[in-house]
C-alpha atoms as a PDB file:
ATOM      1  CA  UNK A   1     109.094 163.319 127.109  1.00  0.00           C
ATOM      2  CA  UNK A   2     107.854 166.392 125.896  1.00  0.00           C
ATOM      3  CA  UNK A   3     105.332 165.797 123.012  1.00  0.00           C
ATOM      4  CA  UNK A   4     104.716 169.501 121.174  1.00  0.00           C
ATOM      5  CA  UNK A   5     101.901 168.921 118.659  1.00  0.00           C
ATOM      6  CA  UNK A   6      98.421 169.407 118.527  1.00  0.00           C
ATOM      7  CA  UNK A   7      97.518 166.435 120.088  1.00  0.00           C
ATOM      8  CA  UNK A   8      94.632 165.857 122.560  1.00  0.00           C
ATOM      9  CA  UNK A   9      95.695 164.751 126.207  1.00  0.00           C
ATOM     10  CA  UNK A  10      94.361 161.219 125.328  1.00  0.00           C
ATOM     11  CA  UNK A  11      96.383 160.949 122.302  1.00  0.00           C
ATOM     12  CA  UNK A  12      99.697 162.383 124.212  1.00  0.00           C
ATOM     13  CA  UNK A  13      98.931 159.688 126.649  1.00  0.00           C
ATOM     14  CA  UNK A  14      98.697 157.032 124.016  1.00  0.00           C
ATOM     15  CA  UNK A  15     102.084 157.800 122.534  1.00  0.00           C
ATOM     16  CA  UNK A  16     103.618 157.916 126.143  1.00  0.00           C
ATOM     17  CA  UNK A  17     101.811 154.496 126.719  1.00  0.00           C
ATOM     18  CA  UNK A  18     102.702 153.006 123.475  1.00  0.00           C
ATOM     19  CA  UNK A  19     106.528 153.785 123.435  1.00  0.00           C
ATOM     20  CA  UNK A  20     106.265 151.590 126.831  1.00  0.00           C
ATOM     21  CA  UNK A  21     105.724 148.400 125.104  1.00  0.00           C
ATOM     22  CA  UNK A  22     105.073 149.094 121.505  1.00  0.00           C
ATOM     23  CA  UNK A  23     101.374 147.566 122.021  1.00  0.00           C
ATOM     24  CA  UNK A  24      98.778 149.710 120.486  1.00  0.00           C
ATOM     25  CA  UNK A  25      95.683 148.255 122.097  1.00  0.00           C
ATOM     26  CA  UNK A  26      97.374 148.096 125.712  1.00  0.00           C
ATOM     27  CA  UNK A  27      98.478 151.727 125.016  1.00  0.00           C
ATOM     28  CA  UNK A  28      94.867 152.785 124.005  1.00  0.00           C
ATOM     29  CA  UNK A  29      93.586 150.981 127.288  1.00  0.00           C
ATOM     30  CA  UNK A  30      96.314 152.611 129.567  1.00  0.00           C
ATOM     31  CA  UNK A  31      95.381 156.067 127.813  1.00  0.00           C
ATOM     32  CA  UNK A  32      91.864 155.685 128.903  1.00  0.00           C
ATOM     33  CA  UNK A  33      90.091 154.532 125.674  1.00  0.00           C
ATOM     34  CA  UNK A  34      87.227 152.051 126.094  1.00  0.00           C
ATOM     35  CA  UNK A  35      88.616 148.482 126.266  1.00  0.00           C
ATOM     36  CA  UNK A  36      85.883 147.470 123.797  1.00  0.00           C
ATOM     37  CA  UNK A  37      87.331 149.747 121.219  1.00  0.00           C
ATOM     38  CA  UNK A  38      91.025 149.958 122.244  1.00  0.00           C
ATOM     39  CA  UNK A  39      92.290 147.727 119.394  1.00  0.00           C
ATOM     40  CA  UNK A  40      90.726 149.531 116.570  1.00  0.00           C
ATOM     41  CA  UNK A  41      91.538 152.847 118.333  1.00  0.00           C
ATOM     42  CA  UNK A  42      95.190 151.871 118.632  1.00  0.00           C
ATOM     43  CA  UNK A  43      95.346 150.734 115.048  1.00  0.00           C
ATOM     44  CA  UNK A  44      93.683 153.956 113.809  1.00  0.00           C
ATOM     45  CA  UNK A  45      95.888 155.992 116.243  1.00  0.00           C
ATOM     46  CA  UNK A  46      99.075 154.667 114.816  1.00  0.00           C
ATOM     47  CA  UNK A  47      97.837 155.732 111.294  1.00  0.00           C
ATOM     48  CA  UNK A  48      97.106 159.307 112.096  1.00  0.00           C
ATOM     49  CA  UNK A  49     100.002 161.218 110.747  1.00  0.00           C
ATOM     50  CA  UNK A  50     100.401 163.553 113.678  1.00  0.00           C
ATOM     51  CA  UNK A  51     100.445 160.603 116.196  1.00  0.00           C
ATOM     52  CA  UNK A  52     103.159 158.649 114.214  1.00  0.00           C
ATOM     53  CA  UNK A  53     105.183 161.886 114.016  1.00  0.00           C
ATOM     54  CA  UNK A  54     104.903 162.244 117.859  1.00  0.00           C
ATOM     55  CA  UNK A  55     105.796 158.404 118.399  1.00  0.00           C
ATOM     56  CA  UNK A  56     108.875 158.993 116.021  1.00  0.00           C
ATOM     57  CA  UNK A  57     110.082 162.201 117.541  1.00  0.00           C
ATOM     58  CA  UNK A  58     109.778 160.742 121.077  1.00  0.00           C
ATOM     59  CA  UNK A  59     111.521 157.469 120.208  1.00  0.00           C
ATOM     60  CA  UNK A  60     114.364 159.552 118.501  1.00  0.00           C
ATOM     61  CA  UNK A  61     114.595 161.836 121.763  1.00  0.00           C
ATOM     62  CA  UNK A  62     114.728 158.653 123.789  1.00  0.00           C
ATOM     63  CA  UNK A  63     117.581 157.192 121.840  1.00  0.00           C
ATOM     64  CA  UNK A  64     119.438 160.094 122.117  1.00  0.00           C
ATOM     65  CA  UNK A  65     118.599 160.486 125.474  1.00  0.00           C
ATOM     66  CA  UNK A  66     119.748 156.967 126.531  1.00  0.00           C
ATOM     67  CA  UNK A  67     122.569 156.504 123.851  1.00  0.00           C
ATOM     68  CA  UNK A  68     120.636 153.018 123.405  1.00  0.00           C
ATOM     69  CA  UNK A  69     120.022 151.967 119.768  1.00  0.00           C
ATOM     70  CA  UNK A  70     119.826 148.832 117.693  1.00  0.00           C
ATOM     71  CA  UNK A  71     123.784 148.803 117.374  1.00  0.00           C
ATOM     72  CA  UNK A  72     124.122 149.217 121.057  1.00  0.00           C
ATOM     73  CA  UNK A  73     121.518 146.140 121.795  1.00  0.00           C
ATOM     74  CA  UNK A  74     123.433 144.093 119.258  1.00  0.00           C
ATOM     75  CA  UNK A  75     126.894 144.734 120.310  1.00  0.00           C
ATOM     76  CA  UNK A  76     125.740 143.903 124.094  1.00  0.00           C
ATOM     77  CA  UNK A  77     123.826 140.723 122.799  1.00  0.00           C
ATOM     78  CA  UNK A  78     127.070 139.579 121.214  1.00  0.00           C
ATOM     79  CA  UNK A  79     128.937 140.206 124.424  1.00  0.00           C
ATOM     80  CA  UNK A  80     126.316 138.257 126.253  1.00  0.00           C
ATOM     81  CA  UNK A  81     126.698 135.438 123.765  1.00  0.00           C
ATOM     82  CA  UNK A  82     130.401 135.432 124.203  1.00  0.00           C
ATOM     83  CA  UNK A  83     130.424 135.416 128.020  1.00  0.00           C
ATOM     84  CA  UNK A  84     127.574 132.676 128.196  1.00  0.00           C
ATOM     85  CA  UNK A  85     129.743 130.503 125.813  1.00  0.00           C
ATOM     86  CA  UNK A  86     132.728 130.854 128.224  1.00  0.00           C
ATOM     87  CA  UNK A  87     133.428 127.461 130.251  1.00  0.00           C
ATOM     88  CA  UNK A  88     132.158 127.968 133.681  1.00  0.00           C
ATOM     89  CA  UNK A  89     133.167 124.849 135.396  1.00  0.00           C
ATOM     90  CA  UNK A  90     134.287 121.276 134.532  1.00  0.00           C
ATOM     91  CA  UNK A  91     131.671 118.803 134.702  1.00  0.00           C
ATOM     92  CA  UNK A  92     132.366 116.017 137.534  1.00  0.00           C
ATOM     93  CA  UNK A  93     131.026 112.531 138.612  1.00  0.00           C
ATOM     94  CA  UNK A  94     131.926 111.584 142.067  1.00  0.00           C
ATOM     95  CA  UNK A  95     134.630 114.194 141.919  1.00  0.00           C
ATOM     96  CA  UNK A  96     136.267 113.069 138.867  1.00  0.00           C
ATOM     97  CA  UNK A  97     135.994 115.212 135.559  1.00  0.00           C
ATOM     98  CA  UNK A  98     133.758 113.985 132.837  1.00  0.00           C
ATOM     99  CA  UNK A  99     135.721 113.423 129.461  1.00  0.00           C
ATOM    100  CA  UNK A 100     134.522 113.568 126.081  1.00  0.00           C
ATOM    101  CA  UNK A 101     135.254 111.057 123.193  1.00  0.00           C
ATOM    102  CA  UNK A 102     138.730 112.604 122.660  1.00  0.00           C
ATOM    103  CA  UNK A 103     139.421 112.878 126.313  1.00  0.00           C
ATOM    104  CA  UNK A 104     139.060 116.443 126.837  1.00  0.00           C
ATOM    105  CA  UNK A 105     137.182 117.879 129.683  1.00  0.00           C
ATOM    106  CA  UNK A 106     133.506 118.449 129.414  1.00  0.00           C
ATOM    107  CA  UNK A 107     132.659 122.082 130.674  1.00  0.00           C
ATOM    108  CA  UNK A 108     129.621 123.674 131.719  1.00  0.00           C
ATOM    109  CA  UNK A 109     128.410 126.725 130.085  1.00  0.00           C
ATOM    110  CA  UNK A 110     125.133 129.174 129.847  1.00  0.00           C
ATOM    111  CA  UNK A 111     123.389 127.583 126.958  1.00  0.00           C
ATOM    112  CA  UNK A 112     120.111 129.223 128.103  1.00  0.00           C
ATOM    113  CA  UNK A 113     121.705 132.469 128.191  1.00  0.00           C
ATOM    114  CA  UNK A 114     123.488 132.205 124.849  1.00  0.00           C
ATOM    115  CA  UNK A 115     120.464 130.867 122.853  1.00  0.00           C
ATOM    116  CA  UNK A 116     118.616 134.152 124.223  1.00  0.00           C
ATOM    117  CA  UNK A 117     121.405 136.438 122.735  1.00  0.00           C
ATOM    118  CA  UNK A 118     121.391 134.442 119.667  1.00  0.00           C
ATOM    119  CA  UNK A 119     117.679 134.938 119.488  1.00  0.00           C
ATOM    120  CA  UNK A 120     118.182 138.616 119.969  1.00  0.00           C
ATOM    121  CA  UNK A 121     120.929 138.858 117.486  1.00  0.00           C
ATOM    122  CA  UNK A 122     119.153 136.544 114.852  1.00  0.00           C
ATOM    123  CA  UNK A 123     115.826 138.866 115.252  1.00  0.00           C
ATOM    124  CA  UNK A 124     117.587 141.953 114.519  1.00  0.00           C
ATOM    125  CA  UNK A 125     120.078 140.852 111.672  1.00  0.00           C
ATOM    126  CA  UNK A 126     119.279 139.890 108.321  1.00  0.00           C
ATOM    127  CA  UNK A 127     120.194 136.344 108.618  1.00  0.00           C
ATOM    128  CA  UNK A 128     116.533 135.344 109.134  1.00  0.00           C
ATOM    129  CA  UNK A 129     117.845 132.581 111.707  1.00  0.00           C
ATOM    130  CA  UNK A 130     114.448 132.403 113.445  1.00  0.00           C
ATOM    131  CA  UNK A 131     112.125 133.041 110.331  1.00  0.00           C
ATOM    132  CA  UNK A 132     109.424 130.583 110.144  1.00  0.00           C
ATOM    133  CA  UNK A 133     110.112 127.637 107.765  1.00  0.00           C
ATOM    134  CA  UNK A 134     108.375 124.667 107.047  1.00  0.00           C
ATOM    135  CA  UNK A 135     110.613 121.496 106.861  1.00  0.00           C
ATOM    136  CA  UNK A 136     110.748 118.314 108.304  1.00  0.00           C
ATOM    137  CA  UNK A 137     114.157 116.994 110.078  1.00  0.00           C
ATOM    138  CA  UNK A 138     114.977 113.605 109.468  1.00  0.00           C
ATOM    139  CA  UNK A 139     118.244 112.431 111.156  1.00  0.00           C
ATOM    140  CA  UNK A 140     120.912 111.150 108.812  1.00  0.00           C
ATOM    141  CA  UNK A 141     122.157 108.732 111.364  1.00  0.00           C
ATOM    142  CA  UNK A 142     119.506 106.691 113.325  1.00  0.00           C
ATOM    143  CA  UNK A 143     122.032 105.512 115.874  1.00  0.00           C
ATOM    144  CA  UNK A 144     122.840 109.071 116.873  1.00  0.00           C
ATOM    145  CA  UNK A 145     125.027 109.376 120.337  1.00  0.00           C
ATOM    146  CA  UNK A 146     124.500 112.071 122.538  1.00  0.00           C
ATOM    147  CA  UNK A 147     126.325 113.153 125.581  1.00  0.00           C
ATOM    148  CA  UNK A 148     124.047 114.377 128.268  1.00  0.00           C
ATOM    149  CA  UNK A 149     125.332 116.569 130.912  1.00  0.00           C
ATOM    150  CA  UNK A 150     123.097 116.665 133.936  1.00  0.00           C
ATOM    151  CA  UNK A 151     122.990 119.404 136.460  1.00  0.00           C
ATOM    152  CA  UNK A 152     122.615 119.682 140.140  1.00  0.00           C
ATOM    153  CA  UNK A 153     119.285 120.331 141.917  1.00  0.00           C
ATOM    154  CA  UNK A 154     120.276 123.815 142.977  1.00  0.00           C
ATOM    155  CA  UNK A 155     121.338 124.697 139.599  1.00  0.00           C
ATOM    156  CA  UNK A 156     118.091 123.154 138.261  1.00  0.00           C
ATOM    157  CA  UNK A 157     115.956 125.315 140.739  1.00  0.00           C
ATOM    158  CA  UNK A 158     117.995 128.448 139.884  1.00  0.00           C
ATOM    159  CA  UNK A 159     117.674 128.076 136.201  1.00  0.00           C
ATOM    160  CA  UNK A 160     113.860 126.841 136.365  1.00  0.00           C
ATOM    161  CA  UNK A 161     114.287 124.823 133.268  1.00  0.00           C
ATOM    162  CA  UNK A 162     115.477 121.516 132.287  1.00  0.00           C
ATOM    163  CA  UNK A 163     115.729 119.171 129.215  1.00  0.00           C
ATOM    164  CA  UNK A 164     114.679 115.641 130.197  1.00  0.00           C
ATOM    165  CA  UNK A 165     116.313 112.676 128.635  1.00  0.00           C
ATOM    166  CA  UNK A 166     114.338 109.547 128.614  1.00  0.00           C
ATOM    167  CA  UNK A 167     116.066 106.591 126.940  1.00  0.00           C
ATOM    168  CA  UNK A 168     113.873 104.613 124.851  1.00  0.00           C
END
């Protein structure tokens, strides 16, 4: 990425490093500024018009080169969500399929992937689905019935996460 301005070598390095993770403090450190002043230098560098212009130009060049922009990310996140919501396999206990209250077979799906995709979509759209709010959840029905689907040890190890259910 060629930055054609009157920037110093450190400033050019800062621009390059900033585009890696959009973290001004870490970019300043990696560009060779002092760790003690990196936060201030990073903040100051972002406010300098010539550096801000270089960052914008390099970012635009990257989007044009890779053809990856916000629309691309949102479309792929949507595809990922839809794929993760597809039924993977029926849930079985001792070889017999588990049925829900209506008699339909319960299927596993990739809830973790679906939630991550929704997080990406929610963060990048105007729905504000993940905006901090202050409210208290109070269940309407205190005798809430929930179906818990258990996973195999292999799948638990593969995913590295599990929701524990401990009956009262």
